Amino acid sequence: MINLGIAVIGGFGGAALVAIGLLAVGVAVLASTVTGIVVVSFVSSALSQIFRVAVYEYAVTGQAPGGLDGRPLQAAFAGP
């Protein structure tokens, strides 16, 4: 969702700046939009993997890994 918001705002903003003749600024906005999307994607992927490893460790040992609360991990196994 965040990637979509960044893409829409940055894409339209950059395109609008290019359309009114501010080519350098428009290209800079578009480049920073792409950079923002990449950064958010990396962070999101890393956090997802950390949670998956924590859930796996909780499933195997029955204890939450150090520094994590066990309630969200236990909720991963709860039914609807």
PDB file of N, CA and C in Angstrom:
ATOM      1  N   MET A   1       0.817  -1.193   0.000  1.00  0.00           N
ATOM      2  CA  MET A   1       0.000   0.000   0.000  1.00  0.00           C
ATOM      3  C   MET A   1       0.857   1.252   0.000  1.00  0.00           C
ATOM      4  N   ILE A   2       1.916   1.227   0.814  1.00  0.00           N
ATOM      5  CA  ILE A   2       2.785   2.393   0.878  1.00  0.00           C
ATOM      6  C   ILE A   2       3.474   2.596  -0.461  1.00  0.00           C
ATOM      7  N   ASN A   3       3.900   1.494  -1.104  1.00  0.00           N
ATOM      8  CA  ASN A   3       4.542   1.616  -2.408  1.00  0.00           C
ATOM      9  C   ASN A   3       3.616   2.271  -3.418  1.00  0.00           C
ATOM     10  N   LEU A   4       2.344   1.903  -3.385  1.00  0.00           N
ATOM     11  CA  LEU A   4       1.380   2.488  -4.308  1.00  0.00           C
ATOM     12  C   LEU A   4       1.229   3.979  -4.058  1.00  0.00           C
ATOM     13  N   GLY A   5       1.154   4.379  -2.794  1.00  0.00           N
ATOM     14  CA  GLY A   5       1.038   5.797  -2.461  1.00  0.00           C
ATOM     15  C   GLY A   5       2.243   6.591  -2.922  1.00  0.00           C
ATOM     16  N   ILE A   6       3.430   6.035  -2.687  1.00  0.00           N
ATOM     17  CA  ILE A   6       4.647   6.710  -3.132  1.00  0.00           C
ATOM     18  C   ILE A   6       4.654   6.825  -4.651  1.00  0.00           C
ATOM     19  N   ALA A   7       4.274   5.756  -5.336  1.00  0.00           N
ATOM     20  CA  ALA A   7       4.280   5.757  -6.794  1.00  0.00           C
ATOM     21  C   ALA A   7       3.299   6.770  -7.367  1.00  0.00           C
ATOM     22  N   VAL A   8       2.106   6.821  -6.801  1.00  0.00           N
ATOM     23  CA  VAL A   8       1.091   7.746  -7.319  1.00  0.00           C
ATOM     24  C   VAL A   8       1.504   9.192  -7.093  1.00  0.00           C
ATOM     25  N   ILE A   9       1.881   9.513  -5.862  1.00  0.00           N
ATOM     26  CA  ILE A   9       2.241  10.897  -5.551  1.00  0.00           C
ATOM     27  C   ILE A   9       3.497  11.316  -6.305  1.00  0.00           C
ATOM     28  N   GLY A  10       4.530  10.491  -6.240  1.00  0.00           N
ATOM     29  CA  GLY A  10       5.774  10.828  -6.927  1.00  0.00           C
ATOM     30  C   GLY A  10       5.637  10.825  -8.432  1.00  0.00           C
ATOM     31  N   GLY A  11       4.905   9.856  -8.949  1.00  0.00           N
ATOM     32  CA  GLY A  11       4.716   9.770 -10.398  1.00  0.00           C
ATOM     33  C   GLY A  11       3.958  10.949 -10.962  1.00  0.00           C
ATOM     34  N   PHE A  12       2.826  11.270 -10.343  1.00  0.00           N
ATOM     35  CA  PHE A  12       2.052  12.416 -10.819  1.00  0.00           C
ATOM     36  C   PHE A  12       2.786  13.727 -10.575  1.00  0.00           C
ATOM     37  N   GLY A  13       3.443  13.828  -9.416  1.00  0.00           N
ATOM     38  CA  GLY A  13       4.199  15.046  -9.119  1.00  0.00           C
ATOM     39  C   GLY A  13       5.336  15.255 -10.098  1.00  0.00           C
ATOM     40  N   GLY A  14       6.095  14.210 -10.350  1.00  0.00           N
ATOM     41  CA  GLY A  14       7.201  14.310 -11.304  1.00  0.00           C
ATOM     42  C   GLY A  14       6.720  14.586 -12.708  1.00  0.00           C
ATOM     43  N   ALA A  15       5.654  13.912 -13.123  1.00  0.00           N
ATOM     44  CA  ALA A  15       5.109  14.140 -14.462  1.00  0.00           C
ATOM     45  C   ALA A  15       4.579  15.559 -14.607  1.00  0.00           C
ATOM     46  N   ALA A  16       3.949  16.077 -13.567  1.00  0.00           N
ATOM     47  CA  ALA A  16       3.435  17.451 -13.615  1.00  0.00           C
ATOM     48  C   ALA A  16       4.578  18.450 -13.733  1.00  0.00           C
ATOM     49  N   LEU A  17       5.653  18.229 -13.003  1.00  0.00           N
ATOM     50  CA  LEU A  17       6.799  19.132 -13.083  1.00  0.00           C
ATOM     51  C   LEU A  17       7.444  19.085 -14.463  1.00  0.00           C
ATOM     52  N   VAL A  18       7.536  17.899 -15.043  1.00  0.00           N
ATOM     53  CA  VAL A  18       8.079  17.782 -16.396  1.00  0.00           C
ATOM     54  C   VAL A  18       7.154  18.479 -17.386  1.00  0.00           C
ATOM     55  N   ALA A  19       5.850  18.331 -17.201  1.00  0.00           N
ATOM     56  CA  ALA A  19       4.879  18.929 -18.118  1.00  0.00           C
ATOM     57  C   ALA A  19       4.918  20.451 -18.106  1.00  0.00           C
ATOM     58  N   ILE A  20       5.218  21.055 -16.958  1.00  0.00           N
ATOM     59  CA  ILE A  20       5.243  22.526 -16.917  1.00  0.00           C
ATOM     60  C   ILE A  20       6.630  23.081 -17.233  1.00  0.00           C
ATOM     61  N   GLY A  21       7.558  22.210 -17.598  1.00  0.00           N
ATOM     62  CA  GLY A  21       8.855  22.670 -18.061  1.00  0.00           C
ATOM     63  C   GLY A  21       9.980  22.583 -17.052  1.00  0.00           C
ATOM     64  N   LEU A  22       9.739  22.060 -15.894  1.00  0.00           N
ATOM     65  CA  LEU A  22      10.792  21.906 -14.892  1.00  0.00           C
ATOM     66  C   LEU A  22      11.372  20.492 -14.997  1.00  0.00           C
ATOM     67  N   LEU A  23      12.072  20.256 -16.097  1.00  0.00           N
ATOM     68  CA  LEU A  23      12.557  18.918 -16.414  1.00  0.00           C
ATOM     69  C   LEU A  23      13.498  18.367 -15.341  1.00  0.00           C
ATOM     70  N   ALA A  24      14.474  19.147 -14.920  1.00  0.00           N
ATOM     71  CA  ALA A  24      15.458  18.651 -13.950  1.00  0.00           C
ATOM     72  C   ALA A  24      14.790  18.298 -12.621  1.00  0.00           C
ATOM     73  N   VAL A  25      13.891  19.158 -12.167  1.00  0.00           N
ATOM     74  CA  VAL A  25      13.201  18.900 -10.900  1.00  0.00           C
ATOM     75  C   VAL A  25      12.278  17.692 -11.047  1.00  0.00           C
ATOM     76  N   GLY A  26      11.588  17.601 -12.174  1.00  0.00           N
ATOM     77  CA  GLY A  26      10.692  16.472 -12.411  1.00  0.00           C
ATOM     78  C   GLY A  26      11.425  15.146 -12.444  1.00  0.00           C
ATOM     79  N   VAL A  27      12.573  15.126 -13.109  1.00  0.00           N
ATOM     80  CA  VAL A  27      13.375  13.904 -13.166  1.00  0.00           C
ATOM     81  C   VAL A  27      13.897  13.554 -11.775  1.00  0.00           C
ATOM     82  N   ALA A  28      14.293  14.560 -11.001  1.00  0.00           N
ATOM     83  CA  ALA A  28      14.765  14.315  -9.632  1.00  0.00           C
ATOM     84  C   ALA A  28      13.651  13.728  -8.770  1.00  0.00           C
ATOM     85  N   VAL A  29      12.438  14.242  -8.917  1.00  0.00           N
ATOM     86  CA  VAL A  29      11.299  13.718  -8.153  1.00  0.00           C
ATOM     87  C   VAL A  29      11.010  12.276  -8.567  1.00  0.00           C
ATOM     88  N   LEU A  30      11.040  12.011  -9.862  1.00  0.00           N
ATOM     89  CA  LEU A  30      10.799  10.644 -10.328  1.00  0.00           C
ATOM     90  C   LEU A  30      11.891   9.688  -9.843  1.00  0.00           C
ATOM     91  N   ALA A  31      13.140  10.134  -9.866  1.00  0.00           N
ATOM     92  CA  ALA A  31      14.241   9.290  -9.390  1.00  0.00           C
ATOM     93  C   ALA A  31      14.117   9.020  -7.893  1.00  0.00           C
ATOM     94  N   SER A  32      13.759  10.034  -7.127  1.00  0.00           N
ATOM     95  CA  SER A  32      13.601   9.821  -5.685  1.00  0.00           C
ATOM     96  C   SER A  32      12.378   8.959  -5.394  1.00  0.00           C
ATOM     97  N   THR A  33      11.376   9.009  -6.255  1.00  0.00           N
ATOM     98  CA  THR A  33      10.211   8.136  -6.106  1.00  0.00           C
ATOM     99  C   THR A  33      10.617   6.675  -6.275  1.00  0.00           C
ATOM    100  N   VAL A  34      11.391   6.403  -7.301  1.00  0.00           N
ATOM    101  CA  VAL A  34      11.861   5.034  -7.529  1.00  0.00           C
ATOM    102  C   VAL A  34      12.729   4.575  -6.361  1.00  0.00           C
ATOM    103  N   THR A  35      13.607   5.449  -5.890  1.00  0.00           N
ATOM    104  CA  THR A  35      14.455   5.116  -4.744  1.00  0.00           C
ATOM    105  C   THR A  35      13.608   4.825  -3.510  1.00  0.00           C
ATOM    106  N   GLY A  36      12.588   5.640  -3.277  1.00  0.00           N
ATOM    107  CA  GLY A  36      11.699   5.428  -2.135  1.00  0.00           C
ATOM    108  C   GLY A  36      10.976   4.099  -2.205  1.00  0.00           C
ATOM    109  N   ILE A  37      10.516   3.745  -3.385  1.00  0.00           N
ATOM    110  CA  ILE A  37       9.822   2.467  -3.561  1.00  0.00           C
ATOM    111  C   ILE A  37      10.768   1.302  -3.276  1.00  0.00           C
ATOM    112  N   VAL A  38      11.993   1.396  -3.762  1.00  0.00           N
ATOM    113  CA  VAL A  38      12.975   0.331  -3.535  1.00  0.00           C
ATOM    114  C   VAL A  38      13.293   0.201  -2.048  1.00  0.00           C
ATOM    115  N   VAL A  39      13.496   1.326  -1.371  1.00  0.00           N
ATOM    116  CA  VAL A  39      13.822   1.297   0.061  1.00  0.00           C
ATOM    117  C   VAL A  39      12.668   0.700   0.867  1.00  0.00           C
ATOM    118  N   VAL A  40      11.449   1.142   0.591  1.00  0.00           N
ATOM    119  CA  VAL A  40      10.289   0.619   1.318  1.00  0.00           C
ATOM    120  C   VAL A  40      10.122  -0.875   1.047  1.00  0.00           C
ATOM    121  N   SER A  41      10.373  -1.304  -0.182  1.00  0.00           N
ATOM    122  CA  SER A  41      10.274  -2.728  -0.510  1.00  0.00           C
ATOM    123  C   SER A  41      11.302  -3.552   0.259  1.00  0.00           C
ATOM    124  N   PHE A  42      12.538  -3.064   0.329  1.00  0.00           N
ATOM    125  CA  PHE A  42      13.580  -3.780   1.074  1.00  0.00           C
ATOM    126  C   PHE A  42      13.242  -3.875   2.555  1.00  0.00           C
ATOM    127  N   VAL A  43      12.817  -2.773   3.141  1.00  0.00           N
ATOM    128  CA  VAL A  43      12.493  -2.766   4.573  1.00  0.00           C
ATOM    129  C   VAL A  43      11.316  -3.695   4.850  1.00  0.00           C
ATOM    130  N   SER A  44      10.294  -3.619   4.007  1.00  0.00           N
ATOM    131  CA  SER A  44       9.123  -4.475   4.178  1.00  0.00           C
ATOM    132  C   SER A  44       9.496  -5.951   4.067  1.00  0.00           C
ATOM    133  N   SER A  45      10.318  -6.287   3.098  1.00  0.00           N
ATOM    134  CA  SER A  45      10.748  -7.668   2.923  1.00  0.00           C
ATOM    135  C   SER A  45      11.578  -8.145   4.111  1.00  0.00           C
ATOM    136  N   ALA A  46      12.474  -7.304   4.594  1.00  0.00           N
ATOM    137  CA  ALA A  46      13.307  -7.681   5.740  1.00  0.00           C
ATOM    138  C   ALA A  46      12.458  -7.918   6.983  1.00  0.00           C
ATOM    139  N   LEU A  47      11.506  -7.030   7.250  1.00  0.00           N
ATOM    140  CA  LEU A  47      10.645  -7.197   8.422  1.00  0.00           C
ATOM    141  C   LEU A  47       9.777  -8.444   8.302  1.00  0.00           C
ATOM    142  N   SER A  48       9.310  -8.728   7.098  1.00  0.00           N
ATOM    143  CA  SER A  48       8.513  -9.932   6.879  1.00  0.00           C
ATOM    144  C   SER A  48       9.334 -11.186   7.171  1.00  0.00           C
ATOM    145  N   GLN A  49      10.568 -11.211   6.715  1.00  0.00           N
ATOM    146  CA  GLN A  49      11.426 -12.371   6.961  1.00  0.00           C
ATOM    147  C   GLN A  49      11.760 -12.522   8.442  1.00  0.00           C
ATOM    148  N   ILE A  50      11.993 -11.410   9.129  1.00  0.00           N
ATOM    149  CA  ILE A  50      12.262 -11.465  10.568  1.00  0.00           C
ATOM    150  C   ILE A  50      11.073 -12.076  11.299  1.00  0.00           C
ATOM    151  N   PHE A  51       9.854 -11.654  10.937  1.00  0.00           N
ATOM    152  CA  PHE A  51       8.667 -12.203  11.583  1.00  0.00           C
ATOM    153  C   PHE A  51       8.517 -13.691  11.275  1.00  0.00           C
ATOM    154  N   ARG A  52       8.778 -14.082  10.037  1.00  0.00           N
ATOM    155  CA  ARG A  52       8.661 -15.497   9.673  1.00  0.00           C
ATOM    156  C   ARG A  52       9.643 -16.362  10.455  1.00  0.00           C
ATOM    157  N   VAL A  53      10.866 -15.886  10.597  1.00  0.00           N
ATOM    158  CA  VAL A  53      11.857 -16.636  11.368  1.00  0.00           C
ATOM    159  C   VAL A  53      11.433 -16.715  12.830  1.00  0.00           C
ATOM    160  N   ALA A  54      10.898 -15.621  13.362  1.00  0.00           N
ATOM    161  CA  ALA A  54      10.439 -15.620  14.754  1.00  0.00           C
ATOM    162  C   ALA A  54       9.281 -16.597  14.945  1.00  0.00           C
ATOM    163  N   VAL A  55       8.348 -16.637  14.000  1.00  0.00           N
ATOM    164  CA  VAL A  55       7.228 -17.585  14.087  1.00  0.00           C
ATOM    165  C   VAL A  55       7.750 -19.015  14.008  1.00  0.00           C
ATOM    166  N   TYR A  56       8.707 -19.255  13.136  1.00  0.00           N
ATOM    167  CA  TYR A  56       9.287 -20.600  13.035  1.00  0.00           C
ATOM    168  C   TYR A  56       9.953 -20.997  14.349  1.00  0.00           C
ATOM    169  N   GLU A  57      10.744 -20.104  14.896  1.00  0.00           N
ATOM    170  CA  GLU A  57      11.423 -20.417  16.157  1.00  0.00           C
ATOM    171  C   GLU A  57      10.413 -20.638  17.277  1.00  0.00           C
ATOM    172  N   TYR A  58       9.338 -19.852  17.289  1.00  0.00           N
ATOM    173  CA  TYR A  58       8.288 -20.035  18.296  1.00  0.00           C
ATOM    174  C   TYR A  58       7.610 -21.396  18.112  1.00  0.00           C
ATOM    175  N   ALA A  59       7.378 -21.789  16.853  1.00  0.00           N
ATOM    176  CA  ALA A  59       6.730 -23.073  16.588  1.00  0.00           C
ATOM    177  C   ALA A  59       7.609 -24.242  17.018  1.00  0.00           C
ATOM    178  N   VAL A  60       8.899 -24.103  16.841  1.00  0.00           N
ATOM    179  CA  VAL A  60       9.816 -25.193  17.172  1.00  0.00           C
ATOM    180  C   VAL A  60      10.073 -25.282  18.671  1.00  0.00           C
ATOM    181  N   THR A  61      10.317 -24.135  19.316  1.00  0.00           N
ATOM    182  CA  THR A  61      10.724 -24.152  20.726  1.00  0.00           C
ATOM    183  C   THR A  61       9.593 -23.847  21.696  1.00  0.00           C
ATOM    184  N   GLY A  62       8.544 -23.179  21.220  1.00  0.00           N
ATOM    185  CA  GLY A  62       7.456 -22.774  22.107  1.00  0.00           C
ATOM    186  C   GLY A  62       7.761 -21.509  22.882  1.00  0.00           C
ATOM    187  N   GLN A  63       8.903 -20.901  22.613  1.00  0.00           N
ATOM    188  CA  GLN A  63       9.287 -19.666  23.293  1.00  0.00           C
ATOM    189  C   GLN A  63       9.563 -18.586  22.256  1.00  0.00           C
ATOM    190  N   ALA A  64       9.192 -17.364  22.620  1.00  0.00           N
ATOM    191  CA  ALA A  64       9.455 -16.237  21.729  1.00  0.00           C
ATOM    192  C   ALA A  64      10.950 -15.935  21.721  1.00  0.00           C
ATOM    193  N   PRO A  65      11.497 -15.615  20.554  1.00  0.00           N
ATOM    194  CA  PRO A  65      12.906 -15.232  20.499  1.00  0.00           C
ATOM    195  C   PRO A  65      13.159 -13.987  21.347  1.00  0.00           C
ATOM    196  N   GLY A  66      14.381 -13.816  21.794  1.00  0.00           N
ATOM    197  CA  GLY A  66      14.729 -12.685  22.643  1.00  0.00           C
ATOM    198  C   GLY A  66      14.303 -11.348  22.057  1.00  0.00           C
ATOM    199  N   GLY A  67      13.692 -10.533  22.887  1.00  0.00           N
ATOM    200  CA  GLY A  67      13.278  -9.205  22.465  1.00  0.00           C
ATOM    201  C   GLY A  67      11.916  -9.136  21.811  1.00  0.00           C
ATOM    202  N   LEU A  68      11.271 -10.252  21.614  1.00  0.00           N
ATOM    203  CA  LEU A  68       9.954 -10.255  20.982  1.00  0.00           C
ATOM    204  C   LEU A  68       8.895 -10.730  21.974  1.00  0.00           C
ATOM    205  N   ASP A  69       7.708 -10.162  21.828  1.00  0.00           N
ATOM    206  CA  ASP A  69       6.568 -10.558  22.647  1.00  0.00           C
ATOM    207  C   ASP A  69       5.950 -11.817  22.034  1.00  0.00           C
ATOM    208  N   GLY A  70       5.588 -12.770  22.844  1.00  0.00           N
ATOM    209  CA  GLY A  70       5.045 -14.030  22.357  1.00  0.00           C
ATOM    210  C   GLY A  70       3.610 -13.963  21.879  1.00  0.00           C
ATOM    211  N   ARG A  71       2.852 -12.935  22.287  1.00  0.00           N
ATOM    212  CA  ARG A  71       1.429 -12.877  21.914  1.00  0.00           C
ATOM    213  C   ARG A  71       1.207 -12.779  20.406  1.00  0.00           C
ATOM    214  N   PRO A  72       1.894 -11.891  19.676  1.00  0.00           N
ATOM    215  CA  PRO A  72       1.680 -11.873  18.223  1.00  0.00           C
ATOM    216  C   PRO A  72       2.112 -13.173  17.551  1.00  0.00           C
ATOM    217  N   LEU A  73       3.146 -13.797  18.098  1.00  0.00           N
ATOM    218  CA  LEU A  73       3.599 -15.066  17.524  1.00  0.00           C
ATOM    219  C   LEU A  73       2.571 -16.160  17.767  1.00  0.00           C
ATOM    220  N   GLN A  74       1.986 -16.183  18.962  1.00  0.00           N
ATOM    221  CA  GLN A  74       0.950 -17.162  19.268  1.00  0.00           C
ATOM    222  C   GLN A  74      -0.279 -16.909  18.404  1.00  0.00           C
ATOM    223  N   ALA A  75      -0.584 -15.652  18.131  1.00  0.00           N
ATOM    224  CA  ALA A  75      -1.745 -15.312  17.305  1.00  0.00           C
ATOM    225  C   ALA A  75      -1.582 -15.808  15.873  1.00  0.00           C
ATOM    226  N   ALA A  76      -0.352 -16.019  15.440  1.00  0.00           N
ATOM    227  CA  ALA A  76      -0.128 -16.537  14.087  1.00  0.00           C
ATOM    228  C   ALA A  76      -0.684 -17.949  13.940  1.00  0.00           C
ATOM    229  N   PHE A  77      -0.856 -18.655  15.056  1.00  0.00           N
ATOM    230  CA  PHE A  77      -1.372 -20.018  15.021  1.00  0.00           C
ATOM    231  C   PHE A  77      -2.842 -20.104  15.416  1.00  0.00           C
ATOM    232  N   ALA A  78      -3.439 -19.001  15.801  1.00  0.00           N
ATOM    233  CA  ALA A  78      -4.835 -18.998  16.252  1.00  0.00           C
ATOM    234  C   ALA A  78      -5.766 -19.137  15.054  1.00  0.00           C
ATOM    235  N   GLY A  79      -6.844 -19.850  15.242  1.00  0.00           N
ATOM    236  CA  GLY A  79      -7.849 -20.002  14.197  1.00  0.00           C
ATOM    237  C   GLY A  79      -8.731 -18.768  14.105  1.00  0.00           C
ATOM    238  N   PRO A  80      -9.633 -18.761  13.137  1.00  0.00           N
ATOM    239  CA  PRO A  80     -10.506 -17.582  12.950  1.00  0.00           C
ATOM    240  C   PRO A  80     -11.486 -17.358  14.059  1.00  0.00           C
TER     241      PRO A  80
END
